[in-house]
Amino acid sequence: MKKGLIIFSPLAQGLLTGRYLNGIPSDSRVRTDGRFLNEKSLSEDVLNKVKMLDAIARQRGQTLAQMALSWIYCKEEITSVLIGASKPEQILENIKMIKNTKFDKSELDKIDEIVL
C-alpha cells in the first residue's frame, strides 16, 4: 500500500498565484500581520525563481499554481493534494491542473535547477 501525503501551504499558494511578484500589495492581509511573510521574504532571488517557474508553467499552458500542484501530484508517493483557497473560484481554477499532470524530463530538469 502506498503512503498518502497531503501537502498544503497557503503562503506558497499566494506566491504561486503571482500575488506577490511585485512586492506585498497594500490590500494584503500579510501587510497588516506579517508573521508569516514580509518584504524580507520576497528577496530578489526568490522572486526571480518564481518568475522562471512561471515561465515554464506558461509554456505548459498552466498557471504557476496549477503547475506546482501537477508537479506535486506527479510524484508516485503522493496520493493526495490539498488545495488552499480563500475563494471558490481559486479552487475551480486549480482543479484544472488535473488536465496536465505529465512532465517531460527537460521540464523536470529545469524545475530542479531553479529550486535546488
PDB file of N, CA and C in Angstrom:
ATOM      1  N   MET A   1       0.837  -1.171   0.000  1.00  0.00           N
ATOM      2  CA  MET A   1       0.000   0.000   0.000  1.00  0.00           C
ATOM      3  C   MET A   1       0.890   1.246   0.000  1.00  0.00           C
ATOM      4  N   LYS A   2       0.547   2.210  -0.836  1.00  0.00           N
ATOM      5  CA  LYS A   2       1.304   3.451  -0.892  1.00  0.00           C
ATOM      6  C   LYS A   2       0.938   4.359   0.265  1.00  0.00           C
ATOM      7  N   LYS A   3       1.923   5.080   0.740  1.00  0.00           N
ATOM      8  CA  LYS A   3       1.707   6.044   1.808  1.00  0.00           C
ATOM      9  C   LYS A   3       1.057   7.294   1.217  1.00  0.00           C
ATOM     10  N   GLY A   4       0.029   7.803   1.836  1.00  0.00           N
ATOM     11  CA  GLY A   4      -0.644   9.003   1.361  1.00  0.00           C
ATOM     12  C   GLY A   4      -0.121  10.240   2.057  1.00  0.00           C
ATOM     13  N   LEU A   5       0.052  11.305   1.325  1.00  0.00           N
ATOM     14  CA  LEU A   5       0.509  12.565   1.877  1.00  0.00           C
ATOM     15  C   LEU A   5      -0.446  13.670   1.457  1.00  0.00           C
ATOM     16  N   ILE A   6      -0.619  14.641   2.318  1.00  0.00           N
ATOM     17  CA  ILE A   6      -1.380  15.826   1.963  1.00  0.00           C
ATOM     18  C   ILE A   6      -0.442  17.014   2.117  1.00  0.00           C
ATOM     19  N   ILE A   7      -0.358  17.811   1.091  1.00  0.00           N
ATOM     20  CA  ILE A   7       0.567  18.927   1.071  1.00  0.00           C
ATOM     21  C   ILE A   7      -0.236  20.223   0.999  1.00  0.00           C
ATOM     22  N   PHE A   8       0.083  21.181   1.860  1.00  0.00           N
ATOM     23  CA  PHE A   8      -0.670  22.429   1.903  1.00  0.00           C
ATOM     24  C   PHE A   8       0.221  23.558   2.387  1.00  0.00           C
ATOM     25  N   SER A   9       0.194  24.641   1.684  1.00  0.00           N
ATOM     26  CA  SER A   9       0.917  25.823   2.127  1.00  0.00           C
ATOM     27  C   SER A   9       0.201  27.063   1.610  1.00  0.00           C
ATOM     28  N   PRO A  10      -0.549  27.745   2.463  1.00  0.00           N
ATOM     29  CA  PRO A  10      -1.239  28.944   1.995  1.00  0.00           C
ATOM     30  C   PRO A  10      -0.282  30.044   1.539  1.00  0.00           C
ATOM     31  N   LEU A  11       0.907  30.129   2.134  1.00  0.00           N
ATOM     32  CA  LEU A  11       1.866  31.137   1.693  1.00  0.00           C
ATOM     33  C   LEU A  11       2.383  30.813   0.298  1.00  0.00           C
ATOM     34  N   ALA A  12       2.673  29.542   0.070  1.00  0.00           N
ATOM     35  CA  ALA A  12       3.106  29.140  -1.269  1.00  0.00           C
ATOM     36  C   ALA A  12       2.002  29.429  -2.273  1.00  0.00           C
ATOM     37  N   GLN A  13       0.765  29.188  -1.875  1.00  0.00           N
ATOM     38  CA  GLN A  13      -0.357  29.445  -2.769  1.00  0.00           C
ATOM     39  C   GLN A  13      -0.370  30.923  -3.177  1.00  0.00           C
ATOM     40  N   GLY A  14      -0.095  31.815  -2.240  1.00  0.00           N
ATOM     41  CA  GLY A  14      -0.043  33.241  -2.562  1.00  0.00           C
ATOM     42  C   GLY A  14       1.069  33.571  -3.538  1.00  0.00           C
ATOM     43  N   LEU A  15       2.224  32.989  -3.335  1.00  0.00           N
ATOM     44  CA  LEU A  15       3.324  33.206  -4.273  1.00  0.00           C
ATOM     45  C   LEU A  15       2.991  32.614  -5.636  1.00  0.00           C
ATOM     46  N   LEU A  16       2.358  31.462  -5.626  1.00  0.00           N
ATOM     47  CA  LEU A  16       2.069  30.773  -6.876  1.00  0.00           C
ATOM     48  C   LEU A  16       1.014  31.482  -7.708  1.00  0.00           C
ATOM     49  N   THR A  17       0.168  32.256  -7.103  1.00  0.00           N
ATOM     50  CA  THR A  17      -0.826  32.996  -7.871  1.00  0.00           C
ATOM     51  C   THR A  17      -0.238  34.254  -8.473  1.00  0.00           C
ATOM     52  N   GLY A  18       1.001  34.553  -8.149  1.00  0.00           N
ATOM     53  CA  GLY A  18       1.644  35.748  -8.666  1.00  0.00           C
ATOM     54  C   GLY A  18       1.285  36.994  -7.860  1.00  0.00           C
ATOM     55  N   ARG A  19       0.551  36.828  -6.799  1.00  0.00           N
ATOM     56  CA  ARG A  19       0.093  37.963  -5.993  1.00  0.00           C
ATOM     57  C   ARG A  19       1.257  38.784  -5.442  1.00  0.00           C
ATOM     58  N   TYR A  20       2.374  38.155  -5.147  1.00  0.00           N
ATOM     59  CA  TYR A  20       3.484  38.854  -4.511  1.00  0.00           C
ATOM     60  C   TYR A  20       4.677  39.090  -5.440  1.00  0.00           C
ATOM     61  N   LEU A  21       4.505  38.919  -6.737  1.00  0.00           N
ATOM     62  CA  LEU A  21       5.639  39.064  -7.655  1.00  0.00           C
ATOM     63  C   LEU A  21       6.222  40.469  -7.674  1.00  0.00           C
ATOM     64  N   ASN A  22       5.434  41.455  -7.334  1.00  0.00           N
ATOM     65  CA  ASN A  22       5.929  42.827  -7.321  1.00  0.00           C
ATOM     66  C   ASN A  22       5.896  43.415  -5.916  1.00  0.00           C
ATOM     67  N   GLY A  23       6.081  42.558  -4.916  1.00  0.00           N
ATOM     68  CA  GLY A  23       6.032  43.007  -3.529  1.00  0.00           C
ATOM     69  C   GLY A  23       4.676  42.677  -2.916  1.00  0.00           C
ATOM     70  N   ILE A  24       4.502  43.069  -1.685  1.00  0.00           N
ATOM     71  CA  ILE A  24       3.257  42.771  -0.976  1.00  0.00           C
ATOM     72  C   ILE A  24       2.264  43.900  -1.233  1.00  0.00           C
ATOM     73  N   PRO A  25       1.120  43.586  -1.850  1.00  0.00           N
ATOM     74  CA  PRO A  25       0.119  44.635  -2.125  1.00  0.00           C
ATOM     75  C   PRO A  25      -0.402  45.262  -0.832  1.00  0.00           C
ATOM     76  N   SER A  26      -0.807  46.499  -0.916  1.00  0.00           N
ATOM     77  CA  SER A  26      -1.278  47.216   0.275  1.00  0.00           C
ATOM     78  C   SER A  26      -2.557  46.612   0.838  1.00  0.00           C
ATOM     79  N   ASP A  27      -3.348  45.918   0.012  1.00  0.00           N
ATOM     80  CA  ASP A  27      -4.595  45.333   0.498  1.00  0.00           C
ATOM     81  C   ASP A  27      -4.426  43.898   1.023  1.00  0.00           C
ATOM     82  N   SER A  28      -3.200  43.422   1.099  1.00  0.00           N
ATOM     83  CA  SER A  28      -2.948  42.053   1.548  1.00  0.00           C
ATOM     84  C   SER A  28      -3.018  41.944   3.065  1.00  0.00           C
ATOM     85  N   ARG A  29      -3.574  40.820   3.543  1.00  0.00           N
ATOM     86  CA  ARG A  29      -3.566  40.548   4.985  1.00  0.00           C
ATOM     87  C   ARG A  29      -2.134  40.448   5.504  1.00  0.00           C
ATOM     88  N   VAL A  30      -1.234  40.035   4.649  1.00  0.00           N
ATOM     89  CA  VAL A  30       0.171  39.924   5.025  1.00  0.00           C
ATOM     90  C   VAL A  30       0.724  41.289   5.422  1.00  0.00           C
ATOM     91  N   ARG A  31       0.266  42.327   4.758  1.00  0.00           N
ATOM     92  CA  ARG A  31       0.750  43.691   5.026  1.00  0.00           C
ATOM     93  C   ARG A  31       0.444  44.100   6.473  1.00  0.00           C
ATOM     94  N   THR A  32      -0.717  43.688   6.994  1.00  0.00           N
ATOM     95  CA  THR A  32      -1.104  44.083   8.348  1.00  0.00           C
ATOM     96  C   THR A  32      -0.614  43.120   9.414  1.00  0.00           C
ATOM     97  N   ASP A  33      -0.389  41.871   9.048  1.00  0.00           N
ATOM     98  CA  ASP A  33       0.026  40.873  10.037  1.00  0.00           C
ATOM     99  C   ASP A  33       1.530  40.635   9.944  1.00  0.00           C
ATOM    100  N   GLY A  34       1.974  40.089   8.818  1.00  0.00           N
ATOM    101  CA  GLY A  34       3.392  39.917   8.575  1.00  0.00           C
ATOM    102  C   GLY A  34       4.103  38.838   9.377  1.00  0.00           C
ATOM    103  N   ARG A  35       3.370  38.011  10.105  1.00  0.00           N
ATOM    104  CA  ARG A  35       4.034  36.959  10.885  1.00  0.00           C
ATOM    105  C   ARG A  35       4.657  35.900   9.990  1.00  0.00           C
ATOM    106  N   PHE A  36       4.031  35.646   8.863  1.00  0.00           N
ATOM    107  CA  PHE A  36       4.450  34.521   8.032  1.00  0.00           C
ATOM    108  C   PHE A  36       5.161  34.948   6.747  1.00  0.00           C
ATOM    109  N   LEU A  37       4.904  36.140   6.300  1.00  0.00           N
ATOM    110  CA  LEU A  37       5.529  36.626   5.075  1.00  0.00           C
ATOM    111  C   LEU A  37       5.729  38.127   5.228  1.00  0.00           C
ATOM    112  N   ASN A  38       6.900  38.593   4.860  1.00  0.00           N
ATOM    113  CA  ASN A  38       7.164  40.027   4.888  1.00  0.00           C
ATOM    114  C   ASN A  38       8.075  40.366   3.720  1.00  0.00           C
ATOM    115  N   GLU A  39       8.340  41.637   3.554  1.00  0.00           N
ATOM    116  CA  GLU A  39       9.152  42.082   2.416  1.00  0.00           C
ATOM    117  C   GLU A  39      10.495  41.358   2.340  1.00  0.00           C
ATOM    118  N   LYS A  40      11.105  41.060   3.484  1.00  0.00           N
ATOM    119  CA  LYS A  40      12.398  40.377   3.501  1.00  0.00           C
ATOM    120  C   LYS A  40      12.292  38.967   2.917  1.00  0.00           C
ATOM    121  N   SER A  41      11.108  38.347   3.048  1.00  0.00           N
ATOM    122  CA  SER A  41      10.897  37.003   2.494  1.00  0.00           C
ATOM    123  C   SER A  41      10.874  37.025   0.973  1.00  0.00           C
ATOM    124  N   LEU A  42      10.566  38.173   0.413  1.00  0.00           N
ATOM    125  CA  LEU A  42      10.450  38.301  -1.035  1.00  0.00           C
ATOM    126  C   LEU A  42      11.724  38.890  -1.629  1.00  0.00           C
ATOM    127  N   SER A  43      12.821  38.207  -1.384  1.00  0.00           N
ATOM    128  CA  SER A  43      14.099  38.678  -1.918  1.00  0.00           C
ATOM    129  C   SER A  43      14.083  38.623  -3.443  1.00  0.00           C
ATOM    130  N   GLU A  44      15.005  39.336  -4.041  1.00  0.00           N
ATOM    131  CA  GLU A  44      15.120  39.335  -5.500  1.00  0.00           C
ATOM    132  C   GLU A  44      15.363  37.915  -6.023  1.00  0.00           C
ATOM    133  N   ASP A  45      16.165  37.133  -5.300  1.00  0.00           N
ATOM    134  CA  ASP A  45      16.438  35.749  -5.695  1.00  0.00           C
ATOM    135  C   ASP A  45      15.153  34.911  -5.696  1.00  0.00           C
ATOM    136  N   VAL A  46      14.351  35.038  -4.652  1.00  0.00           N
ATOM    137  CA  VAL A  46      13.085  34.283  -4.572  1.00  0.00           C
ATOM    138  C   VAL A  46      12.160  34.696  -5.707  1.00  0.00           C
ATOM    139  N   LEU A  47      12.016  35.990  -5.920  1.00  0.00           N
ATOM    140  CA  LEU A  47      11.124  36.471  -6.983  1.00  0.00           C
ATOM    141  C   LEU A  47      11.607  36.034  -8.366  1.00  0.00           C
ATOM    142  N   ASN A  48      12.912  36.030  -8.589  1.00  0.00           N
ATOM    143  CA  ASN A  48      13.442  35.570  -9.879  1.00  0.00           C
ATOM    144  C   ASN A  48      13.139  34.092 -10.103  1.00  0.00           C
ATOM    145  N   LYS A  49      13.277  33.295  -9.052  1.00  0.00           N
ATOM    146  CA  LYS A  49      12.963  31.871  -9.169  1.00  0.00           C
ATOM    147  C   LYS A  49      11.481  31.661  -9.475  1.00  0.00           C
ATOM    148  N   VAL A  50      10.631  32.401  -8.809  1.00  0.00           N
ATOM    149  CA  VAL A  50       9.192  32.278  -9.048  1.00  0.00           C
ATOM    150  C   VAL A  50       8.869  32.688 -10.486  1.00  0.00           C
ATOM    151  N   LYS A  51       9.521  33.734 -10.972  1.00  0.00           N
ATOM    152  CA  LYS A  51       9.283  34.185 -12.346  1.00  0.00           C
ATOM    153  C   LYS A  51       9.749  33.139 -13.367  1.00  0.00           C
ATOM    154  N   MET A  52      10.886  32.494 -13.102  1.00  0.00           N
ATOM    155  CA  MET A  52      11.365  31.441 -14.009  1.00  0.00           C
ATOM    156  C   MET A  52      10.407  30.251 -14.017  1.00  0.00           C
ATOM    157  N   LEU A  53       9.912  29.890 -12.834  1.00  0.00           N
ATOM    158  CA  LEU A  53       8.943  28.795 -12.759  1.00  0.00           C
ATOM    159  C   LEU A  53       7.648  29.174 -13.461  1.00  0.00           C
ATOM    160  N   ASP A  54       7.236  30.427 -13.332  1.00  0.00           N
ATOM    161  CA  ASP A  54       6.037  30.901 -14.007  1.00  0.00           C
ATOM    162  C   ASP A  54       6.180  30.786 -15.519  1.00  0.00           C
ATOM    163  N   ALA A  55       7.376  31.056 -16.034  1.00  0.00           N
ATOM    164  CA  ALA A  55       7.618  30.940 -17.480  1.00  0.00           C
ATOM    165  C   ALA A  55       7.440  29.492 -17.942  1.00  0.00           C
ATOM    166  N   ILE A  56       7.927  28.540 -17.169  1.00  0.00           N
ATOM    167  CA  ILE A  56       7.741  27.118 -17.506  1.00  0.00           C
ATOM    168  C   ILE A  56       6.254  26.774 -17.489  1.00  0.00           C
ATOM    169  N   ALA A  57       5.553  27.253 -16.470  1.00  0.00           N
ATOM    170  CA  ALA A  57       4.113  26.977 -16.365  1.00  0.00           C
ATOM    171  C   ALA A  57       3.371  27.513 -17.582  1.00  0.00           C
ATOM    172  N   ARG A  58       3.695  28.717 -17.993  1.00  0.00           N
ATOM    173  CA  ARG A  58       3.018  29.318 -19.150  1.00  0.00           C
ATOM    174  C   ARG A  58       3.276  28.507 -20.419  1.00  0.00           C
ATOM    175  N   GLN A  59       4.510  27.986 -20.565  1.00  0.00           N
ATOM    176  CA  GLN A  59       4.817  27.137 -21.721  1.00  0.00           C
ATOM    177  C   GLN A  59       3.964  25.871 -21.704  1.00  0.00           C
ATOM    178  N   ARG A  60       3.611  25.411 -20.510  1.00  0.00           N
ATOM    179  CA  ARG A  60       2.777  24.216 -20.352  1.00  0.00           C
ATOM    180  C   ARG A  60       1.285  24.525 -20.492  1.00  0.00           C
ATOM    181  N   GLY A  61       0.946  25.822 -20.603  1.00  0.00           N
ATOM    182  CA  GLY A  61      -0.453  26.211 -20.670  1.00  0.00           C
ATOM    183  C   GLY A  61      -1.132  26.182 -19.312  1.00  0.00           C
ATOM    184  N   GLN A  62      -0.349  26.401 -18.263  1.00  0.00           N
ATOM    185  CA  GLN A  62      -0.863  26.356 -16.905  1.00  0.00           C
ATOM    186  C   GLN A  62      -0.513  27.637 -16.156  1.00  0.00           C
ATOM    187  N   THR A  63      -1.247  27.877 -15.085  1.00  0.00           N
ATOM    188  CA  THR A  63      -0.812  28.894 -14.139  1.00  0.00           C
ATOM    189  C   THR A  63       0.297  28.269 -13.311  1.00  0.00           C
ATOM    190  N   LEU A  64       1.031  29.091 -12.609  1.00  0.00           N
ATOM    191  CA  LEU A  64       2.095  28.569 -11.755  1.00  0.00           C
ATOM    192  C   LEU A  64       1.512  27.671 -10.665  1.00  0.00           C
ATOM    193  N   ALA A  65       0.376  28.057 -10.109  1.00  0.00           N
ATOM    194  CA  ALA A  65      -0.268  27.236  -9.080  1.00  0.00           C
ATOM    195  C   ALA A  65      -0.666  25.877  -9.646  1.00  0.00           C
ATOM    196  N   GLN A  66      -1.226  25.858 -10.851  1.00  0.00           N
ATOM    197  CA  GLN A  66      -1.604  24.585 -11.467  1.00  0.00           C
ATOM    198  C   GLN A  66      -0.377  23.715 -11.708  1.00  0.00           C
ATOM    199  N   MET A  67       0.706  24.308 -12.198  1.00  0.00           N
ATOM    200  CA  MET A  67       1.911  23.517 -12.444  1.00  0.00           C
ATOM    201  C   MET A  67       2.478  22.972 -11.142  1.00  0.00           C
ATOM    202  N   ALA A  68       2.487  23.784 -10.100  1.00  0.00           N
ATOM    203  CA  ALA A  68       3.012  23.319  -8.815  1.00  0.00           C
ATOM    204  C   ALA A  68       2.198  22.142  -8.291  1.00  0.00           C
ATOM    205  N   LEU A  69       0.890  22.229  -8.394  1.00  0.00           N
ATOM    206  CA  LEU A  69       0.034  21.125  -7.946  1.00  0.00           C
ATOM    207  C   LEU A  69       0.259  19.888  -8.814  1.00  0.00           C
ATOM    208  N   SER A  70       0.404  20.090 -10.121  1.00  0.00           N
ATOM    209  CA  SER A  70       0.681  18.964 -11.024  1.00  0.00           C
ATOM    210  C   SER A  70       2.015  18.316 -10.686  1.00  0.00           C
ATOM    211  N   TRP A  71       3.012  19.154 -10.393  1.00  0.00           N
ATOM    212  CA  TRP A  71       4.351  18.650 -10.049  1.00  0.00           C
ATOM    213  C   TRP A  71       4.287  17.810  -8.783  1.00  0.00           C
ATOM    214  N   ILE A  72       3.557  18.278  -7.792  1.00  0.00           N
ATOM    215  CA  ILE A  72       3.402  17.501  -6.557  1.00  0.00           C
ATOM    216  C   ILE A  72       2.674  16.195  -6.854  1.00  0.00           C
ATOM    217  N   TYR A  73       1.587  16.285  -7.591  1.00  0.00           N
ATOM    218  CA  TYR A  73       0.726  15.139  -7.856  1.00  0.00           C
ATOM    219  C   TYR A  73       1.413  14.084  -8.725  1.00  0.00           C
ATOM    220  N   CYS A  74       2.367  14.494  -9.555  1.00  0.00           N
ATOM    221  CA  CYS A  74       3.017  13.523 -10.454  1.00  0.00           C
ATOM    222  C   CYS A  74       3.982  12.608  -9.713  1.00  0.00           C
ATOM    223  N   LYS A  75       4.329  12.953  -8.479  1.00  0.00           N
ATOM    224  CA  LYS A  75       5.220  12.102  -7.686  1.00  0.00           C
ATOM    225  C   LYS A  75       4.476  10.833  -7.279  1.00  0.00           C
ATOM    226  N   GLU A  76       5.081   9.703  -7.512  1.00  0.00           N
ATOM    227  CA  GLU A  76       4.422   8.422  -7.253  1.00  0.00           C
ATOM    228  C   GLU A  76       3.970   8.261  -5.805  1.00  0.00           C
ATOM    229  N   GLU A  77       4.759   8.780  -4.875  1.00  0.00           N
ATOM    230  CA  GLU A  77       4.425   8.594  -3.466  1.00  0.00           C
ATOM    231  C   GLU A  77       3.322   9.530  -2.982  1.00  0.00           C
ATOM    232  N   ILE A  78       2.951  10.523  -3.785  1.00  0.00           N
ATOM    233  CA  ILE A  78       1.890  11.463  -3.416  1.00  0.00           C
ATOM    234  C   ILE A  78       0.561  10.923  -3.918  1.00  0.00           C
ATOM    235  N   THR A  79      -0.371  10.793  -3.018  1.00  0.00           N
ATOM    236  CA  THR A  79      -1.689  10.286  -3.408  1.00  0.00           C
ATOM    237  C   THR A  79      -2.785  11.322  -3.244  1.00  0.00           C
ATOM    238  N   SER A  80      -2.494  12.440  -2.588  1.00  0.00           N
ATOM    239  CA  SER A  80      -3.495  13.480  -2.367  1.00  0.00           C
ATOM    240  C   SER A  80      -2.822  14.848  -2.432  1.00  0.00           C
ATOM    241  N   VAL A  81      -3.556  15.810  -2.925  1.00  0.00           N
ATOM    242  CA  VAL A  81      -3.091  17.185  -2.929  1.00  0.00           C
ATOM    243  C   VAL A  81      -4.208  18.029  -2.352  1.00  0.00           C
ATOM    244  N   LEU A  82      -3.918  18.787  -1.315  1.00  0.00           N
ATOM    245  CA  LEU A  82      -4.895  19.661  -0.684  1.00  0.00           C
ATOM    246  C   LEU A  82      -4.676  21.063  -1.223  1.00  0.00           C
ATOM    247  N   ILE A  83      -5.730  21.638  -1.768  1.00  0.00           N
ATOM    248  CA  ILE A  83      -5.629  22.969  -2.360  1.00  0.00           C
ATOM    249  C   ILE A  83      -6.147  23.993  -1.364  1.00  0.00           C
ATOM    250  N   GLY A  84      -5.319  24.963  -1.045  1.00  0.00           N
ATOM    251  CA  GLY A  84      -5.745  26.055  -0.170  1.00  0.00           C
ATOM    252  C   GLY A  84      -6.304  27.184  -1.006  1.00  0.00           C
ATOM    253  N   ALA A  85      -7.426  27.712  -0.604  1.00  0.00           N
ATOM    254  CA  ALA A  85      -8.039  28.813  -1.346  1.00  0.00           C
ATOM    255  C   ALA A  85      -8.926  29.626  -0.419  1.00  0.00           C
ATOM    256  N   SER A  86      -8.993  30.914  -0.677  1.00  0.00           N
ATOM    257  CA  SER A  86      -9.884  31.758   0.109  1.00  0.00           C
ATOM    258  C   SER A  86     -11.157  32.087  -0.659  1.00  0.00           C
ATOM    259  N   LYS A  87     -11.198  31.700  -1.932  1.00  0.00           N
ATOM    260  CA  LYS A  87     -12.379  31.945  -2.770  1.00  0.00           C
ATOM    261  C   LYS A  87     -12.687  30.688  -3.581  1.00  0.00           C
ATOM    262  N   PRO A  88     -13.973  30.374  -3.776  1.00  0.00           N
ATOM    263  CA  PRO A  88     -14.339  29.167  -4.551  1.00  0.00           C
ATOM    264  C   PRO A  88     -13.728  29.142  -5.942  1.00  0.00           C
ATOM    265  N   GLU A  89     -13.614  30.298  -6.595  1.00  0.00           N
ATOM    266  CA  GLU A  89     -13.061  30.313  -7.951  1.00  0.00           C
ATOM    267  C   GLU A  89     -11.593  29.898  -7.977  1.00  0.00           C
ATOM    268  N   GLN A  90     -10.874  30.094  -6.878  1.00  0.00           N
ATOM    269  CA  GLN A  90      -9.484  29.629  -6.808  1.00  0.00           C
ATOM    270  C   GLN A  90      -9.434  28.101  -6.836  1.00  0.00           C
ATOM    271  N   ILE A  91     -10.349  27.473  -6.152  1.00  0.00           N
ATOM    272  CA  ILE A  91     -10.409  26.006  -6.162  1.00  0.00           C
ATOM    273  C   ILE A  91     -10.716  25.522  -7.568  1.00  0.00           C
ATOM    274  N   LEU A  92     -11.725  26.110  -8.203  1.00  0.00           N
ATOM    275  CA  LEU A  92     -12.105  25.697  -9.556  1.00  0.00           C
ATOM    276  C   LEU A  92     -10.957  25.889 -10.539  1.00  0.00           C
ATOM    277  N   GLU A  93     -10.223  26.989 -10.403  1.00  0.00           N
ATOM    278  CA  GLU A  93      -9.089  27.250 -11.289  1.00  0.00           C
ATOM    279  C   GLU A  93      -7.979  26.224 -11.072  1.00  0.00           C
ATOM    280  N   ASN A  94      -7.673  25.919  -9.822  1.00  0.00           N
ATOM    281  CA  ASN A  94      -6.572  25.000  -9.531  1.00  0.00           C
ATOM    282  C   ASN A  94      -6.901  23.557  -9.852  1.00  0.00           C
ATOM    283  N   ILE A  95      -8.172  23.202  -9.820  1.00  0.00           N
ATOM    284  CA  ILE A  95      -8.564  21.834 -10.179  1.00  0.00           C
ATOM    285  C   ILE A  95      -8.203  21.531 -11.631  1.00  0.00           C
ATOM    286  N   LYS A  96      -8.095  22.549 -12.452  1.00  0.00           N
ATOM    287  CA  LYS A  96      -7.736  22.358 -13.861  1.00  0.00           C
ATOM    288  C   LYS A  96      -6.360  21.724 -14.017  1.00  0.00           C
ATOM    289  N   MET A  97      -5.575  21.689 -12.944  1.00  0.00           N
ATOM    290  CA  MET A  97      -4.245  21.081 -13.008  1.00  0.00           C
ATOM    291  C   MET A  97      -4.304  19.631 -13.422  1.00  0.00           C
ATOM    292  N   ILE A  98      -5.426  18.986 -13.152  1.00  0.00           N
ATOM    293  CA  ILE A  98      -5.555  17.554 -13.431  1.00  0.00           C
ATOM    294  C   ILE A  98      -5.478  17.263 -14.935  1.00  0.00           C
ATOM    295  N   LYS A  99      -5.699  18.286 -15.772  1.00  0.00           N
ATOM    296  CA  LYS A  99      -5.637  18.113 -17.226  1.00  0.00           C
ATOM    297  C   LYS A  99      -4.212  17.959 -17.739  1.00  0.00           C
ATOM    298  N   ASN A 100      -3.223  18.311 -16.920  1.00  0.00           N
ATOM    299  CA  ASN A 100      -1.837  18.284 -17.389  1.00  0.00           C
ATOM    300  C   ASN A 100      -0.913  17.940 -16.224  1.00  0.00           C
ATOM    301  N   THR A 101      -0.856  16.668 -15.881  1.00  0.00           N
ATOM    302  CA  THR A 101      -0.013  16.241 -14.758  1.00  0.00           C
ATOM    303  C   THR A 101       1.284  15.576 -15.209  1.00  0.00           C
ATOM    304  N   LYS A 102       1.489  15.469 -16.495  1.00  0.00           N
ATOM    305  CA  LYS A 102       2.701  14.836 -17.019  1.00  0.00           C
ATOM    306  C   LYS A 102       3.767  15.880 -17.303  1.00  0.00           C
ATOM    307  N   PHE A 103       4.999  15.557 -16.967  1.00  0.00           N
ATOM    308  CA  PHE A 103       6.144  16.413 -17.228  1.00  0.00           C
ATOM    309  C   PHE A 103       7.154  15.637 -18.040  1.00  0.00           C
ATOM    310  N   ASP A 104       7.794  16.314 -19.010  1.00  0.00           N
ATOM    311  CA  ASP A 104       8.893  15.624 -19.687  1.00  0.00           C
ATOM    312  C   ASP A 104      10.171  15.886 -18.894  1.00  0.00           C
ATOM    313  N   LYS A 105      11.189  15.114 -19.199  1.00  0.00           N
ATOM    314  CA  LYS A 105      12.431  15.183 -18.435  1.00  0.00           C
ATOM    315  C   LYS A 105      13.039  16.585 -18.452  1.00  0.00           C
ATOM    316  N   SER A 106      12.981  17.255 -19.583  1.00  0.00           N
ATOM    317  CA  SER A 106      13.593  18.593 -19.658  1.00  0.00           C
ATOM    318  C   SER A 106      12.860  19.581 -18.743  1.00  0.00           C
ATOM    319  N   GLU A 107      11.545  19.475 -18.633  1.00  0.00           N
ATOM    320  CA  GLU A 107      10.803  20.347 -17.717  1.00  0.00           C
ATOM    321  C   GLU A 107      11.211  20.072 -16.270  1.00  0.00           C
ATOM    322  N   LEU A 108      11.275  18.805 -15.918  1.00  0.00           N
ATOM    323  CA  LEU A 108      11.663  18.448 -14.547  1.00  0.00           C
ATOM    324  C   LEU A 108      13.085  18.899 -14.242  1.00  0.00           C
ATOM    325  N   ASP A 109      13.984  18.762 -15.217  1.00  0.00           N
ATOM    326  CA  ASP A 109      15.364  19.208 -15.019  1.00  0.00           C
ATOM    327  C   ASP A 109      15.428  20.721 -14.800  1.00  0.00           C
ATOM    328  N   LYS A 110      14.654  21.489 -15.587  1.00  0.00           N
ATOM    329  CA  LYS A 110      14.631  22.944 -15.426  1.00  0.00           C
ATOM    330  C   LYS A 110      14.090  23.337 -14.053  1.00  0.00           C
ATOM    331  N   ILE A 111      13.021  22.683 -13.643  1.00  0.00           N
ATOM    332  CA  ILE A 111      12.420  22.972 -12.331  1.00  0.00           C
ATOM    333  C   ILE A 111      13.420  22.659 -11.231  1.00  0.00           C
ATOM    334  N   ASP A 112      14.061  21.507 -11.302  1.00  0.00           N
ATOM    335  CA  ASP A 112      15.064  21.141 -10.289  1.00  0.00           C
ATOM    336  C   ASP A 112      16.201  22.152 -10.247  1.00  0.00           C
ATOM    337  N   GLU A 113      16.648  22.601 -11.415  1.00  0.00           N
ATOM    338  CA  GLU A 113      17.739  23.567 -11.485  1.00  0.00           C
ATOM    339  C   GLU A 113      17.350  24.889 -10.794  1.00  0.00           C
ATOM    340  N   ILE A 114      16.105  25.281 -10.929  1.00  0.00           N
ATOM    341  CA  ILE A 114      15.636  26.528 -10.324  1.00  0.00           C
ATOM    342  C   ILE A 114      15.467  26.407  -8.826  1.00  0.00           C
ATOM    343  N   VAL A 115      14.875  25.318  -8.382  1.00  0.00           N
ATOM    344  CA  VAL A 115      14.506  25.236  -6.955  1.00  0.00           C
ATOM    345  C   VAL A 115      15.579  24.613  -6.066  1.00  0.00           C
ATOM    346  N   LEU A 116      16.513  23.895  -6.638  1.00  0.00           N
ATOM    347  CA  LEU A 116      17.536  23.252  -5.802  1.00  0.00           C
ATOM    348  C   LEU A 116      18.782  24.075  -5.668  1.00  0.00           C
TER     349      LEU A 116
END
